[in-house]
Protein backbone atom coordinates (compact mmCIF):
# COMPACT_ATOMS: atom_id res chain seq x y z
CA MET A 1 -148.12 43.51 -43.72
CA ALA A 2 -145.14 44.98 -44.87
CA GLN A 3 -146.16 48.55 -43.77
CA ASP A 4 -147.28 47.45 -40.38
CA GLU A 5 -142.99 46.25 -40.30
CA ASP A 6 -141.84 49.60 -40.94
CA ILE A 7 -144.42 51.25 -38.24
CA ASP A 8 -143.47 48.63 -35.53
CA GLU A 9 -140.06 49.16 -36.61
CA SER A 10 -139.90 53.17 -36.30
CA GLU A 11 -141.70 52.89 -33.41
CA GLU A 12 -138.92 50.37 -31.75
CA SER A 13 -136.26 52.58 -32.80
CA GLY A 14 -138.05 55.99 -31.71
CA ALA A 15 -138.20 54.24 -28.23
CA GLY A 16 -135.03 53.55 -28.34
CA VAL A 17 -133.89 56.87 -28.84
CA ARG A 18 -136.54 57.90 -26.35
CA SER A 19 -135.10 55.95 -24.04
CA ARG A 20 -131.49 57.04 -24.48
CA ARG A 21 -132.53 60.32 -24.09
CA GLN A 22 -133.98 59.48 -21.02
CA SER A 23 -130.99 58.04 -19.91
CA ALA A 24 -128.84 60.61 -20.46
CA ALA A 25 -131.43 63.14 -18.93
CA ASP A 26 -131.18 61.04 -15.93
CA TRP A 27 -127.39 60.73 -15.95
CA TRP A 28 -127.10 64.29 -16.04
CA ARG A 29 -129.12 64.56 -13.18
CA ARG A 30 -127.85 62.18 -11.46
CA THR A 31 -124.57 63.92 -12.09
CA ALA A 32 -125.79 67.45 -10.60
CA LYS A 33 -127.72 65.70 -7.63
CA LEU A 34 -123.76 64.44 -6.66
CA TRP A 35 -121.86 67.55 -7.59
CA GLY A 36 -124.45 69.64 -6.05
CA PHE A 37 -124.31 66.97 -2.71
CA LEU A 38 -120.73 67.13 -2.78
CA ALA A 39 -120.92 71.27 -3.18
CA PHE A 40 -123.62 71.33 -0.31
CA CYS A 41 -120.91 69.40 2.08
CA ILE A 42 -118.14 71.22 1.40
CA LEU A 43 -119.83 74.80 2.17
CA ILE A 44 -120.76 73.34 5.11
CA VAL A 45 -117.36 71.76 6.28
CA PHE A 46 -116.24 76.17 5.29
CA LEU A 47 -118.45 77.73 7.52
CA ALA A 48 -118.06 75.24 10.41
CA ARG A 49 -114.64 74.59 10.24
CA GLN A 50 -114.19 75.08 13.80
CA VAL A 51 -116.57 72.61 14.91
CA VAL A 52 -116.02 69.99 11.76
CA LEU A 53 -113.06 69.83 12.14
CA PRO A 54 -112.19 67.79 14.57
CA PHE A 55 -114.60 65.30 13.72
CA ILE A 56 -113.15 65.01 10.10
CA PHE A 57 -109.42 64.65 11.96
CA ALA A 58 -111.27 61.75 13.50
CA LEU A 59 -113.08 60.24 11.08
CA LEU A 60 -109.38 60.03 9.56
CA ILE A 61 -107.82 58.26 11.92
CA ALA A 62 -110.74 55.75 12.25
CA PHE A 63 -110.23 55.21 8.72
CA ILE A 64 -106.66 54.84 9.16
CA LEU A 65 -106.61 52.58 12.42
CA SER A 66 -109.43 50.49 11.37
CA PRO A 67 -107.54 47.80 9.21
CA LEU A 68 -104.93 48.11 12.15
CA VAL A 69 -107.63 46.94 14.68
CA ARG A 70 -109.52 44.43 12.51
CA ARG A 71 -106.46 42.60 12.14
CA LEU A 72 -105.56 42.99 15.86
CA SER A 73 -109.01 41.71 17.09
CA VAL A 74 -110.23 39.20 14.33
CA ARG A 75 -107.73 36.07 13.13
CA SER A 76 -107.52 34.91 9.44
CA ASP A 77 -109.71 32.06 10.51
CA GLY A 78 -112.70 34.23 12.25
CA SER A 79 -112.18 33.99 15.51
CA HIS A 80 -111.18 36.68 17.96
CA ARG A 81 -107.79 37.22 19.24
CA MET A 82 -109.17 40.02 21.59
CA PRO A 83 -111.51 42.43 21.66
CA THR A 84 -111.97 45.03 19.77
CA GLY A 85 -112.15 47.75 22.48
CA ALA A 86 -108.73 46.52 23.54
CA ALA A 87 -107.65 46.67 19.99
CA ILE A 88 -108.51 50.29 19.91
CA LEU A 89 -106.34 50.96 23.21
CA VAL A 90 -103.57 49.03 21.82
CA CYS A 91 -103.71 51.21 18.92
CA TYR A 92 -103.99 54.58 20.74
CA LEU A 93 -101.67 53.57 23.48
CA VAL A 94 -98.54 52.61 20.49
CA ILE A 95 -99.11 55.82 18.88
CA ILE A 96 -99.56 58.22 21.53
CA GLY A 97 -96.08 56.64 22.78
CA LEU A 98 -94.15 56.82 19.11
CA ILE A 99 -95.73 60.12 19.51
CA ALA A 100 -94.19 61.31 23.01
CA VAL A 101 -90.74 59.16 22.03
CA PHE A 102 -90.69 61.34 18.59
CA MET A 103 -90.64 64.25 20.98
CA LEU A 104 -88.13 63.71 23.44
CA ILE A 105 -86.36 63.22 20.71
CA LEU A 106 -87.30 66.30 18.73
CA LEU A 107 -87.75 68.61 21.09
CA PRO A 108 -84.20 69.96 22.69
CA ARG A 109 -82.96 69.89 19.18
CA LEU A 110 -85.54 72.40 17.89
CA SER A 111 -85.27 74.06 21.61
CA ARG A 112 -81.72 74.61 20.58
CA ASP A 113 -82.42 75.81 16.90
CA VAL A 114 -85.01 78.30 18.32
CA ALA A 115 -82.12 79.62 21.09
CA ARG A 116 -79.34 79.83 18.23
CA ILE A 117 -82.08 81.50 15.79
CA GLY A 118 -82.98 84.12 18.33
CA ARG A 119 -78.92 84.66 18.57
CA GLU A 120 -78.35 85.34 15.15
CA ALA A 121 -81.03 87.28 14.43
CA PRO A 122 -80.10 90.60 14.69
CA GLY A 123 -77.18 89.52 12.50
CA LEU A 124 -79.29 87.91 9.88
CA TYR A 125 -80.97 91.32 9.96
CA THR A 126 -78.07 93.26 9.43
CA LYS A 127 -76.44 91.44 6.78
CA LEU A 128 -80.04 91.42 5.39
CA ASN A 129 -80.52 95.00 4.93
CA ASP A 130 -77.09 96.11 3.81
CA GLN A 131 -76.28 93.01 1.45
CA TRP A 132 -78.79 91.31 0.49
CA ALA A 133 -81.67 94.01 -0.22
CA PRO A 134 -79.53 96.08 -2.17
CA GLN A 135 -78.06 93.05 -4.54
CA ALA A 136 -81.71 92.01 -5.41
CA ALA A 137 -82.62 95.33 -6.02
CA ARG A 138 -79.85 95.90 -8.73
CA TRP A 139 -80.78 92.90 -9.80
CA LEU A 140 -84.37 93.55 -10.48
CA GLU A 141 -83.70 96.98 -11.89
CA ASN A 142 -81.36 95.48 -14.18
CA ARG A 143 -84.06 92.81 -15.23
CA PHE A 144 -86.54 94.81 -15.28
CA PRO A 145 -85.64 98.58 -16.57
CA SER A 146 -89.12 100.25 -15.87
CA LEU A 147 -88.13 99.59 -11.75
CA ARG A 148 -85.80 101.86 -12.03
CA THR A 149 -86.24 104.79 -9.72
CA GLN A 150 -85.48 107.96 -12.00
CA GLU A 151 -83.71 110.72 -9.60
CA ALA A 152 -85.42 114.21 -9.28
CA PRO A 153 -83.04 116.63 -11.00
CA ALA A 154 -81.13 118.61 -8.32
CA VAL A 155 -82.67 122.20 -7.57
CA GLU A 156 -80.39 125.13 -7.98
CA ARG A 157 -80.15 127.81 -5.33
CA ALA A 158 -80.88 130.92 -5.81
CA VAL A 159 -77.49 133.16 -6.55
CA VAL A 160 -79.40 136.61 -5.64
CA SER A 161 -79.42 137.06 -1.75
CA ASP A 162 -82.28 137.57 -0.01
C-alpha cells in the first residue's frame, strides 16, 4: 500500500514537472509568435512606408481625438449630447483653426528669418572659411597629433644650368 502511494506521488510530481515544462514551452511559443508578428508588421510598414504612412497618421489622430469626441458626444449619464459625426466635425474644425492661426502667426516671422539668413549667408560662409575652419583645424591638430600634416621637404633646384 505504501509503495502504491509512493508511485502515485512520483507520477504526480512527474506530471507537475511535465506540465511546468509544457507551460514554459507554451509561453516561449506564444512569445515567439508575438515577436514574430511584431517583426512582420514592422517589415510590412517599412516596405510599404510610403503607402502605409498616411494610414498610421490617421490612426494616430483617431486615437488622440477619440476621448475628446466621446466627451463631446456622450454625457456622463450616458445620454447623447450631439451626434458623433458632429463631434468629429467640431474637433477637426477646431484643430484646423488652431493650425491656421499658428501658421498666420508663424509664417511672417519665418519668412523674415529666411530672408535675413539669405542676406547674411555669404558673410557667414566667408567667416566660416576664414576664421572658424582654421581654428577648428588647429584645435584638432593639437588634440590629435596624428592629424597634423607633414610638410613635404622643399625640393632644391639644381645649381647646374641646362
